[in-house]
Amino acid sequence: MMSLFDNPTTEVANRSGRSQPTVSKFFNEVTIRQKSWMSCYEACLELVEEQEAKLKKLYEKSNKLISKDESAIKKEQ
């Protein structure tokens, strides 16, 4: 989470509907209500999955561009 988002606490708070102090406790492994913990955990999973999907698309696009450039270079040679 920390490497994928500039401010993961805010992202998770917005997604989960929990307060930022509750989300901070979640990240710092302080005991919180189980319902709050589950909300934060599910929000984290969703956010990571979405971010990974975006990164995968960007990676695939960049690979397509690279392969197009490589085939153009081969044609020129």
Protein backbone atom coordinates (compact mmCIF):
# COMPACT_ATOMS: atom_id res chain seq x y z
CA MET A 1 0.00 0.00 0.00
CA MET A 2 2.69 2.43 1.02
CA SER A 3 4.56 2.07 -2.26
CA LEU A 4 1.46 2.25 -4.45
CA PHE A 5 -0.14 5.41 -3.05
CA ASP A 6 1.11 8.81 -1.91
CA ASN A 7 -1.30 8.85 1.03
CA PRO A 8 -2.68 5.35 1.62
CA THR A 9 -4.39 6.34 4.87
CA THR A 10 -6.59 8.83 3.02
CA GLU A 11 -7.26 6.41 0.17
CA VAL A 12 -8.34 3.62 2.52
CA ALA A 13 -10.40 6.00 4.67
CA ASN A 14 -12.27 7.25 1.61
CA ARG A 15 -12.85 3.74 0.26
CA SER A 16 -13.77 2.09 3.56
CA GLY A 17 -15.85 4.88 5.07
CA ARG A 18 -13.70 4.74 8.22
CA SER A 19 -11.96 7.70 9.81
CA GLN A 20 -8.30 8.41 9.17
CA PRO A 21 -7.39 7.73 12.82
CA THR A 22 -9.03 4.30 12.55
CA VAL A 23 -7.17 3.57 9.33
CA SER A 24 -3.90 4.71 10.93
CA LYS A 25 -4.54 2.28 13.78
CA PHE A 26 -5.18 -0.45 11.20
CA PHE A 27 -1.83 0.24 9.49
CA ASN A 28 -0.03 0.43 12.83
CA GLU A 29 -1.61 -2.85 13.93
CA VAL A 30 -3.39 -1.28 16.90
CA THR A 31 -6.50 -3.17 17.99
CA ILE A 32 -9.70 -1.86 16.39
CA ARG A 33 -13.19 -3.29 16.03
CA GLN A 34 -13.40 -6.32 13.78
CA LYS A 35 -15.93 -4.61 11.51
CA SER A 36 -13.58 -1.65 11.08
CA TRP A 37 -10.63 -3.96 10.48
CA MET A 38 -12.54 -5.85 7.77
CA SER A 39 -13.61 -2.61 6.08
CA CYS A 40 -10.03 -1.38 5.98
CA TYR A 41 -8.69 -4.73 4.82
CA GLU A 42 -11.25 -5.03 2.00
CA ALA A 43 -10.57 -1.44 0.93
CA CYS A 44 -6.83 -2.22 0.79
CA LEU A 45 -7.43 -5.28 -1.36
CA GLU A 46 -9.64 -3.36 -3.78
CA LEU A 47 -7.21 -0.47 -4.06
CA VAL A 48 -4.21 -2.74 -4.63
CA GLU A 49 -6.06 -4.77 -7.26
CA GLU A 50 -7.11 -1.60 -9.09
CA GLN A 51 -3.60 -0.18 -8.97
CA GLU A 52 -2.06 -3.42 -10.20
CA ALA A 53 -4.54 -3.53 -13.09
CA LYS A 54 -3.57 0.03 -14.06
CA LEU A 55 0.11 -0.81 -13.87
CA LYS A 56 -0.40 -3.95 -15.94
CA LYS A 57 -2.16 -1.92 -18.66
CA LEU A 58 0.66 0.61 -18.71
CA TYR A 59 3.23 -2.18 -18.88
CA GLU A 60 1.41 -3.85 -21.78
CA LYS A 61 1.11 -0.52 -23.62
CA SER A 62 4.78 0.21 -23.19
CA ASN A 63 5.69 -3.28 -24.42
CA LYS A 64 3.55 -2.77 -27.53
CA LEU A 65 5.23 0.55 -28.20
CA ILE A 66 8.66 -0.96 -27.73
CA SER A 67 7.90 -3.87 -30.04
CA LYS A 68 6.54 -1.45 -32.69
CA ASP A 69 9.70 0.60 -32.44
CA GLU A 70 11.87 -2.51 -32.68
CA SER A 71 10.05 -3.77 -35.76
CA ALA A 72 10.33 -0.33 -37.38
CA ILE A 73 14.06 -0.33 -36.69
CA LYS A 74 14.44 -3.83 -38.20
CA LYS A 75 12.56 -2.74 -41.33
CA GLU A 76 14.88 0.23 -41.73
CA GLN A 77 17.96 -2.00 -41.51
